[in-house]
Protein backbone atom coordinates (compact mmCIF):
# COMPACT_ATOMS: atom_id res chain seq x y z
CA MET A 1 -5.13 15.05 6.02
CA CYS A 2 -3.22 11.77 5.96
CA LEU A 3 -2.56 9.94 2.75
CA ALA A 4 -1.96 6.19 2.55
CA ILE A 5 -0.66 4.59 -0.62
CA PRO A 6 -1.96 1.19 -1.76
CA MET A 7 0.95 -1.18 -2.28
CA ARG A 8 1.23 -4.90 -3.05
CA ILE A 9 3.41 -7.07 -0.82
CA VAL A 10 6.20 -8.66 -2.82
CA ARG A 11 8.15 -10.35 -0.01
CA ILE A 12 7.79 -10.73 3.74
CA ASP A 13 10.71 -11.02 6.15
CA GLY A 14 9.50 -11.15 9.74
CA PHE A 15 7.78 -7.85 10.51
CA SER A 16 9.08 -6.16 7.36
CA ALA A 17 7.77 -6.40 3.84
CA ARG A 18 9.02 -5.34 0.44
CA THR A 19 6.10 -3.67 -1.31
CA GLU A 20 5.51 -2.39 -4.84
CA ALA A 21 3.24 0.11 -6.54
CA ARG A 22 3.58 1.28 -10.12
CA GLY A 23 7.18 0.14 -10.39
CA VAL A 24 8.31 1.74 -7.13
CA GLU A 25 9.42 -0.59 -4.33
CA ARG A 26 9.59 0.25 -0.64
CA ASP A 27 10.37 -1.63 2.55
CA VAL A 28 7.62 -1.17 5.12
CA SER A 29 6.92 -2.29 8.67
CA LEU A 30 4.15 -4.82 9.29
CA LEU A 31 4.05 -4.25 13.07
CA MET A 32 0.73 -2.39 12.93
CA LEU A 33 -0.84 -5.47 11.31
CA TYR A 34 0.40 -7.85 14.00
CA GLY A 35 -2.02 -10.75 14.36
CA GLU A 36 -3.53 -10.33 10.89
CA ASP A 37 -3.06 -12.86 8.13
CA VAL A 38 -0.81 -10.90 5.77
CA ARG A 39 0.73 -12.72 2.80
CA GLU A 40 2.77 -12.04 -0.30
CA GLY A 41 0.44 -10.70 -3.00
CA ASP A 42 -1.84 -8.92 -0.51
CA PHE A 43 -2.48 -5.20 -0.83
CA VAL A 44 -1.90 -2.89 2.12
CA LYS A 45 -2.29 0.82 2.78
CA VAL A 46 1.14 2.31 3.50
CA HIS A 47 1.59 5.50 5.52
CA LEU A 48 4.99 6.82 6.62
CA GLY A 49 6.69 3.46 6.12
CA HIS A 50 4.07 1.40 7.94
CA ALA A 51 1.42 -0.91 6.53
CA VAL A 52 -1.66 0.29 8.41
CA GLU A 53 -4.47 -1.78 6.88
CA LYS A 54 -5.07 -4.66 4.49
CA MET A 55 -7.17 -3.90 1.45
CA THR A 56 -8.67 -5.79 -1.46
CA PRO A 57 -7.28 -5.45 -4.98
CA GLU A 58 -10.49 -3.61 -5.89
CA GLU A 59 -10.01 -1.09 -3.08
CA ALA A 60 -6.40 -0.55 -4.16
CA LYS A 61 -7.47 0.09 -7.77
CA ALA A 62 -10.23 2.47 -6.68
CA ALA A 63 -7.73 4.47 -4.58
CA TRP A 64 -5.27 4.69 -7.49
CA ASP A 65 -8.11 5.82 -9.79
CA VAL A 66 -8.85 8.70 -7.39
CA TYR A 67 -5.14 9.60 -7.13
CA ASP A 68 -4.89 9.61 -10.94
CA GLU A 69 -7.89 11.97 -11.14
CA MET A 70 -6.30 14.29 -8.58
CA LEU A 71 -3.02 14.36 -10.49
CA ALA A 72 -4.79 15.01 -13.78
CA ALA A 73 -6.82 17.86 -12.25
CA GLY A 74 -3.63 19.45 -10.96
CA THR A 75 -2.09 19.60 -14.43
CA ARG A 76 -4.91 21.53 -16.08
């Protein structure tokens, strides 16, 4: 199973972007989104250092809600 992490784009520099999620920042490649309108503030799914898909803020929140549930279930 592959896991992609929702992250918000903070800054774009060519085909690279600085992204942030829950206080953690990462540089990711935007090459897989070539041709799409990707802007600062957008949310993207990040997998292995690559933004693989744009997502809405609502989709990003829903994914984090599921991840939080999984983490909470693992601590019981």
